[in-house]
Amino acid sequence: MKKIAKISLLLLAMTFARTAAFAQISVGINISARIAPPALPVYSQPPCPADGYLWTPGYWAYDDTDGYYWVPGVWVHPPRAGVLWTPAYWGFDGGVYSFHSGYWGPHIGFYGGINYGFGYGGSGFYGGRWEGGAYRYNTAITNVNTTVIHNTYIDKTVINNTVNNNRTSFNGRGGVNVQPREEERRAMNENHIQPTASQLSHQQLAGKDRNQFANVNHGKPGNPAIERIHNNGGMNNHQANGNNAVKGDKLAGGAKSPQQWHPGINRHPNAMQQQPQQPNHVQQPHPNQQQQHRMQQPHPQHEAHQPHEGNPHREEREHR
C-alpha cells in the first residue's frame, strides 16, 4: 500500500513538473487556430537600410475570418541599444496551434526551434551583436552594404546547415519537436520590451493586404520581405537613407520609454491601435546574395529545402 502511495505521489509530481515547464512557454496565449500555419516562404533578405537597424524575420499571423497571412520580414530600429529581437512562433499543443508573440530583450529567448534564416537558425541569433552601444553586423550571414555600414565582422563558423531545413513554421507534434534550452528559459524570465508601434502597425498593414493571405497566395506572399517599415512621410524604401532612420522608435500605445513585456502576451491583428500606413513595395534581393530555392507546393511543410542563411561565400572585403 505504501509502495502504491509513493508511486502515485511520484507520478503526480512528474505531471506537475511537466505542466509547470509548459506553462513557462504558453502563458498569456490568446490567439489560436485549428489548422497548421503554412510553411515558411522562401525569400532573400533586403540590404540593411542604415546603421543601427536590426533584422526581424517574417512570420505567419492569423485572422479569425480569413486565416493566415504573412507579415514581411523587415529591418527595424530597436527601442533602445543593447536589446535583441526574439521572433514570434506558433506552437501546437492540445489540438490547437497557439501564437507566441515576439519581444525585445537583452538575450534571445525561445522561438520554437524554427529556422527563420538570416541568423535565426532555431536557437539563438548569429547575424550580429552589440559591442558597447554600437551594433555590429556579421556579413557572413547578414546582407549589409559595407560602403554604407562599417560596423561589421565576419564569422562563418556559426553557419549551421544541419538544423531544421524543411521550412516548418510551428513547434510541436508534426512540426519542430524541441524544448527551450536552459539559457532560453533564463531569457524568457527576463524583463522584456513590447514590439514597437511601427512593428505592430506593420503587422496590421499586412493583415489589410489580400495578397499576403495564404488562401490567396497559396503560401507564396507577394511581399515576403521589405527593407524598412514605411514611416517616413511618403518616401519609399529605396529613397530612405540613414539620416531618416527612426531613432528610438515609439512603442505600442505611444509610450515614451520601454515598457515591461511578457513574451506570451499577444495583440490580435484587428485590435491594434495604430493607424495603417502606406504599403511597401517588394524589394529586390542584393546582387551578391544567393537566391533561395523556389517553392513548388502551396504548403510543403515537410519539403526539405533550406531557408536562406546569408551567403557564406560573400567576399571578405568587410571590415573585421
Protein backbone atom coordinates (compact mmCIF):
# COMPACT_ATOMS: atom_id res chain seq x y z
CA MET A 1 0.00 0.00 0.00
CA LYS A 2 2.81 2.39 0.92
CA LYS A 3 4.58 1.50 -2.30
CA ILE A 4 1.46 2.34 -4.33
CA ALA A 5 1.13 5.65 -2.50
CA LYS A 6 4.75 6.53 -3.24
CA ILE A 7 4.31 5.71 -6.92
CA SER A 8 1.16 7.85 -7.06
CA LEU A 9 2.95 10.78 -5.46
CA LEU A 10 5.86 10.40 -7.88
CA LEU A 11 3.54 10.40 -10.91
CA LEU A 12 1.70 13.43 -9.54
CA ALA A 13 5.00 15.28 -9.06
CA MET A 14 6.12 14.44 -12.60
CA THR A 15 2.80 15.68 -14.02
CA PHE A 16 3.08 18.93 -12.07
CA ALA A 17 6.66 19.48 -13.24
CA ARG A 18 5.70 18.91 -16.87
CA THR A 19 2.73 21.29 -16.54
CA ALA A 20 4.88 23.95 -14.89
CA ALA A 21 7.52 23.67 -17.62
CA PHE A 22 4.90 24.01 -20.34
CA ALA A 23 3.29 26.96 -18.54
CA GLN A 24 6.56 28.86 -18.85
CA ILE A 25 6.21 28.56 -22.62
CA SER A 26 2.48 29.01 -23.12
CA VAL A 27 1.41 31.61 -20.56
CA GLY A 28 -0.64 34.50 -21.91
CA ILE A 29 -1.59 33.00 -25.27
CA ASN A 30 -4.86 34.39 -26.67
CA ILE A 31 -4.58 33.67 -30.40
CA SER A 32 -5.04 30.11 -31.63
CA ALA A 33 -6.04 28.21 -34.76
CA ARG A 34 -7.20 24.71 -35.59
CA ILE A 35 -5.08 24.29 -38.71
CA ALA A 36 -1.30 24.46 -39.02
CA PRO A 37 0.38 27.58 -40.39
CA PRO A 38 1.81 27.22 -43.90
CA ALA A 39 5.48 26.51 -44.47
CA LEU A 40 7.84 29.45 -44.29
CA PRO A 41 8.14 31.10 -47.71
CA VAL A 42 11.49 31.32 -49.45
CA TYR A 43 12.85 34.83 -49.89
CA SER A 44 16.01 36.93 -49.94
CA GLN A 45 16.93 39.41 -47.25
CA PRO A 46 16.93 43.04 -48.42
CA PRO A 47 20.07 45.02 -47.55
CA CYS A 48 20.19 46.79 -44.20
CA PRO A 49 18.98 50.38 -44.86
CA ALA A 50 21.19 52.15 -42.31
CA ASP A 51 23.46 51.65 -39.34
CA GLY A 52 21.58 50.64 -36.19
CA TYR A 53 18.75 48.66 -37.78
CA LEU A 54 18.13 45.04 -36.69
CA TRP A 55 16.54 42.30 -38.77
CA THR A 56 13.16 40.88 -37.68
CA PRO A 57 12.16 37.77 -39.68
CA GLY A 58 8.77 37.41 -41.32
CA TYR A 59 6.09 35.19 -39.78
CA TRP A 60 2.56 33.93 -40.30
CA ALA A 61 -0.08 35.85 -38.33
CA TYR A 62 -3.73 34.83 -38.11
CA ASP A 63 -7.07 36.48 -38.82
CA ASP A 64 -10.22 34.83 -37.43
CA THR A 65 -12.10 35.35 -40.69
CA ASP A 66 -9.56 34.82 -43.47
CA GLY A 67 -6.91 32.69 -41.81
CA TYR A 68 -3.14 33.01 -42.06
CA TYR A 69 -1.39 35.98 -43.59
CA TRP A 70 2.31 36.72 -43.97
CA VAL A 71 3.92 39.60 -42.09
CA PRO A 72 7.02 40.52 -44.13
CA GLY A 73 10.50 40.34 -42.68
CA VAL A 74 11.82 43.85 -42.15
CA TRP A 75 14.71 45.88 -40.77
CA VAL A 76 13.62 47.90 -37.72
CA HIS A 77 15.24 50.23 -35.25
CA PRO A 78 15.21 48.71 -31.73
CA PRO A 79 13.53 50.58 -28.86
CA ARG A 80 16.92 51.05 -27.21
CA ALA A 81 20.54 49.98 -27.50
CA GLY A 82 21.55 46.58 -26.18
CA VAL A 83 18.35 44.66 -26.91
CA LEU A 84 17.80 41.82 -29.39
CA TRP A 85 14.65 40.52 -31.06
CA THR A 86 13.19 37.11 -30.18
CA PRO A 87 10.86 36.18 -33.08
CA ALA A 88 7.25 35.10 -32.75
CA TYR A 89 6.37 31.44 -33.33
CA TRP A 90 3.44 29.03 -33.42
CA GLY A 91 3.25 26.06 -31.06
CA PHE A 92 0.99 23.00 -31.34
CA ASP A 93 -0.44 21.54 -28.13
CA GLY A 94 -3.79 20.18 -27.06
CA GLY A 95 -5.10 20.07 -30.61
CA VAL A 96 -4.62 23.78 -31.34
CA TYR A 97 -1.89 25.97 -32.80
CA SER A 98 -1.13 28.85 -30.44
CA PHE A 99 0.73 32.05 -31.29
CA HIS A 100 3.63 33.24 -29.13
CA SER A 101 4.46 36.85 -29.94
CA GLY A 102 7.97 38.24 -30.31
CA TYR A 103 9.67 40.63 -27.92
CA TRP A 104 12.81 42.68 -27.29
CA GLY A 105 15.21 41.73 -24.52
CA PRO A 106 18.88 41.56 -23.51
CA HIS A 107 19.12 37.93 -24.67
CA ILE A 108 17.42 35.75 -27.27
CA GLY A 109 14.66 33.59 -25.82
CA PHE A 110 12.86 30.53 -27.16
CA TYR A 111 11.27 30.83 -30.61
CA GLY A 112 10.15 27.27 -31.11
CA GLY A 113 13.26 25.92 -32.79
CA ILE A 114 12.02 27.48 -36.04
CA ASN A 115 14.72 28.13 -38.63
CA TYR A 116 13.79 31.60 -39.87
CA GLY A 117 17.17 32.05 -41.55
CA PHE A 118 19.36 35.15 -41.64
CA GLY A 119 20.95 34.36 -38.28
CA TYR A 120 17.88 32.80 -36.62
CA GLY A 121 18.67 29.12 -37.13
CA GLY A 122 16.29 27.75 -34.49
CA SER A 123 18.14 28.76 -31.33
CA GLY A 124 19.97 31.99 -30.57
CA PHE A 125 20.96 34.59 -33.14
CA TYR A 126 24.19 34.91 -35.13
CA GLY A 127 23.54 37.76 -37.54
CA GLY A 128 25.08 40.46 -35.36
CA ARG A 129 25.89 41.56 -31.83
CA TRP A 130 26.09 44.58 -29.57
CA GLU A 131 29.50 45.87 -28.57
CA GLY A 132 29.23 48.73 -26.15
CA GLY A 133 26.50 50.98 -27.51
CA ALA A 134 27.06 50.02 -31.16
CA TYR A 135 25.56 47.15 -33.14
CA ARG A 136 27.87 45.16 -35.41
CA TYR A 137 26.72 43.04 -38.35
CA ASN A 138 28.02 39.58 -39.26
CA THR A 139 28.33 39.88 -43.03
CA ALA A 140 28.80 36.11 -43.42
CA ILE A 141 25.05 35.92 -42.72
CA THR A 142 23.58 39.41 -42.97
CA ASN A 143 23.03 41.40 -46.17
CA VAL A 144 24.90 44.65 -45.50
CA ASN A 145 26.34 47.23 -47.89
CA THR A 146 29.74 47.81 -46.32
CA THR A 147 30.27 51.02 -48.26
CA VAL A 148 27.46 52.47 -46.15
CA ILE A 149 27.72 50.47 -42.92
CA HIS A 150 31.14 49.90 -41.39
CA ASN A 151 30.33 48.22 -38.07
CA THR A 152 30.81 44.72 -39.46
CA TYR A 153 32.66 41.47 -38.85
CA ILE A 154 32.84 38.05 -40.50
CA ASP A 155 32.11 34.84 -38.62
CA LYS A 156 31.39 31.84 -40.85
CA THR A 157 31.72 29.32 -38.03
CA VAL A 158 28.14 29.99 -36.92
CA ILE A 159 26.63 28.88 -40.25
CA ASN A 160 24.89 25.60 -39.47
CA ASN A 161 23.49 23.58 -42.35
CA THR A 162 22.26 20.65 -40.23
CA VAL A 163 19.42 22.29 -38.27
CA ASN A 164 15.74 22.22 -39.28
CA ASN A 165 15.89 22.96 -43.00
CA ASN A 166 12.40 21.96 -44.15
CA ARG A 167 10.79 25.39 -43.57
CA THR A 168 8.43 24.04 -40.91
CA SER A 169 6.74 27.01 -39.27
CA PHE A 170 5.49 25.64 -35.94
CA ASN A 171 6.74 23.90 -32.82
CA GLY A 172 5.25 20.67 -31.50
CA ARG A 173 3.94 17.38 -32.84
CA GLY A 174 4.19 17.30 -36.61
CA GLY A 175 6.49 20.32 -36.56
CA VAL A 176 9.77 21.08 -34.79
CA ASN A 177 9.90 18.98 -31.62
CA VAL A 178 12.30 20.87 -29.38
CA GLN A 179 12.05 22.30 -25.87
CA PRO A 180 13.68 25.50 -24.57
CA ARG A 181 17.32 25.29 -23.61
CA GLU A 182 18.40 26.45 -20.17
CA GLU A 183 19.71 29.78 -21.47
CA GLU A 184 16.45 30.30 -23.37
CA ARG A 185 14.43 29.66 -20.21
CA ARG A 186 16.51 32.25 -18.40
CA ALA A 187 15.95 34.73 -21.21
CA MET A 188 12.20 34.07 -21.10
CA ASN A 189 12.13 35.17 -17.45
CA GLU A 190 13.99 38.44 -18.05
CA ASN A 191 12.31 41.82 -18.39
CA HIS A 192 11.16 42.32 -21.96
CA ILE A 193 10.06 45.24 -24.11
CA GLN A 194 6.95 45.01 -26.24
CA PRO A 195 7.11 45.36 -30.05
CA THR A 196 7.34 48.97 -31.16
CA ALA A 197 4.36 50.86 -32.55
CA SER A 198 5.80 50.60 -36.06
CA GLN A 199 6.14 46.82 -35.70
CA LEU A 200 2.51 46.48 -34.68
CA SER A 201 1.30 48.76 -37.47
CA HIS A 202 3.48 46.72 -39.85
CA GLN A 203 1.51 43.59 -38.89
CA GLN A 204 -1.78 45.47 -39.14
CA LEU A 205 -0.90 46.68 -42.63
CA ALA A 206 -0.02 43.13 -43.73
CA GLY A 207 -3.43 41.99 -42.48
CA LYS A 208 -5.11 44.51 -44.80
CA ASP A 209 -3.31 43.26 -47.92
CA ARG A 210 -5.25 40.41 -49.53
CA ASN A 211 -2.14 39.26 -51.39
CA GLN A 212 -0.48 38.42 -48.08
CA PHE A 213 -3.14 35.83 -47.15
CA ALA A 214 -2.30 32.17 -47.66
CA ASN A 215 -5.75 31.45 -49.13
CA VAL A 216 -4.87 33.89 -51.92
CA ASN A 217 -1.13 33.45 -52.43
CA HIS A 218 -1.01 29.70 -51.67
CA GLY A 219 1.98 30.13 -49.38
CA LYS A 220 3.92 32.48 -51.66
CA PRO A 221 3.24 36.04 -50.43
CA GLY A 222 3.89 38.87 -52.87
CA ASN A 223 5.68 40.87 -50.19
CA PRO A 224 7.84 38.36 -48.27
CA ALA A 225 10.32 40.99 -47.04
CA ILE A 226 10.86 44.75 -47.17
CA GLU A 227 13.80 46.99 -46.41
CA ARG A 228 12.16 49.05 -43.69
CA ILE A 229 8.75 49.98 -42.35
CA HIS A 230 7.19 52.78 -44.37
CA ASN A 231 7.04 55.61 -41.81
CA ASN A 232 8.97 58.40 -43.47
CA GLY A 233 6.23 60.64 -44.81
CA GLY A 234 5.74 59.17 -48.27
CA MET A 235 9.28 58.13 -49.22
CA ASN A 236 9.60 54.61 -50.48
CA ASN A 237 12.15 52.22 -49.06
CA HIS A 238 14.80 52.90 -51.71
CA GLN A 239 14.60 56.66 -51.16
CA ALA A 240 15.09 56.47 -47.42
CA ASN A 241 18.61 56.76 -46.08
CA GLY A 242 20.48 56.60 -42.83
CA ASN A 243 19.58 60.18 -41.92
CA ASN A 244 15.92 59.17 -41.86
CA ALA A 245 16.44 56.19 -39.57
CA VAL A 246 13.93 56.15 -36.74
CA LYS A 247 15.91 56.70 -33.57
CA GLY A 248 14.28 55.21 -30.51
CA ASP A 249 11.10 54.07 -32.25
CA LYS A 250 7.89 54.76 -30.34
CA LEU A 251 6.40 51.82 -28.51
CA ALA A 252 2.89 50.47 -28.85
CA GLY A 253 0.28 52.79 -27.40
CA GLY A 254 2.50 55.85 -27.81
CA ALA A 255 4.71 55.05 -24.82
CA LYS A 256 7.75 57.29 -24.49
CA SER A 257 10.01 54.79 -22.76
CA PRO A 258 10.49 50.99 -22.79
CA GLN A 259 7.72 49.10 -21.01
CA GLN A 260 7.80 45.65 -19.45
CA TRP A 261 6.53 42.94 -21.79
CA HIS A 262 5.83 39.27 -21.19
CA PRO A 263 6.64 37.10 -24.21
CA GLY A 264 3.28 35.33 -24.14
CA ILE A 265 1.07 38.43 -24.37
CA ASN A 266 -0.33 38.84 -27.86
CA ARG A 267 -2.13 41.51 -29.80
CA HIS A 268 -4.93 40.42 -32.13
CA PRO A 269 -4.27 41.95 -35.57
CA ASN A 270 -7.75 43.51 -35.66
CA ALA A 271 -7.36 45.11 -32.23
CA MET A 272 -4.23 47.16 -32.84
CA GLN A 273 -4.40 50.84 -32.05
CA GLN A 274 -2.05 52.24 -34.66
CA GLN A 275 -3.29 53.83 -37.88
CA PRO A 276 -2.46 51.97 -41.11
CA GLN A 277 0.43 53.29 -43.16
CA GLN A 278 1.12 53.27 -46.88
CA PRO A 279 2.04 49.83 -48.24
CA ASN A 280 5.62 48.95 -49.07
CA HIS A 281 6.92 47.68 -52.34
CA VAL A 282 8.73 44.40 -52.82
CA GLN A 283 12.46 44.89 -52.54
CA GLN A 284 14.88 43.32 -54.99
CA PRO A 285 17.44 40.94 -53.46
CA HIS A 286 21.01 42.09 -53.03
CA PRO A 287 23.04 41.21 -56.16
CA ASN A 288 25.65 39.39 -54.10
CA GLN A 289 23.12 37.34 -52.20
CA GLN A 290 22.26 33.77 -53.14
CA GLN A 291 18.67 33.17 -54.11
CA GLN A 292 16.73 30.63 -52.11
CA HIS A 293 15.06 27.58 -53.62
CA ARG A 294 11.69 28.29 -55.17
CA MET A 295 8.58 26.84 -53.55
CA GLN A 296 6.83 24.20 -55.62
CA GLN A 297 3.79 23.39 -53.46
CA PRO A 298 1.38 25.69 -51.60
CA HIS A 299 2.16 24.43 -48.09
CA PRO A 300 5.05 21.91 -48.25
CA GLN A 301 5.68 21.73 -44.51
CA HIS A 302 7.85 18.68 -44.86
CA GLU A 303 9.74 19.61 -48.03
CA ALA A 304 13.45 19.52 -47.34
CA HIS A 305 14.56 22.94 -48.62
CA GLN A 306 16.98 25.05 -46.64
CA PRO A 307 15.91 28.55 -45.58
CA HIS A 308 18.34 31.25 -46.62
CA GLU A 309 21.07 31.87 -44.06
CA GLY A 310 23.02 34.51 -45.92
CA ASN A 311 25.82 33.93 -48.38
CA PRO A 312 28.77 32.17 -46.72
CA HIS A 313 30.84 32.88 -49.84
CA ARG A 314 30.45 36.66 -49.75
CA GLU A 315 33.77 38.37 -50.46
CA GLU A 316 35.71 39.09 -47.31
CA ARG A 317 36.06 42.74 -48.04
CA GLU A 318 34.20 43.83 -44.94
CA HIS A 319 35.97 45.41 -42.00
CA ARG A 320 36.90 42.87 -39.42
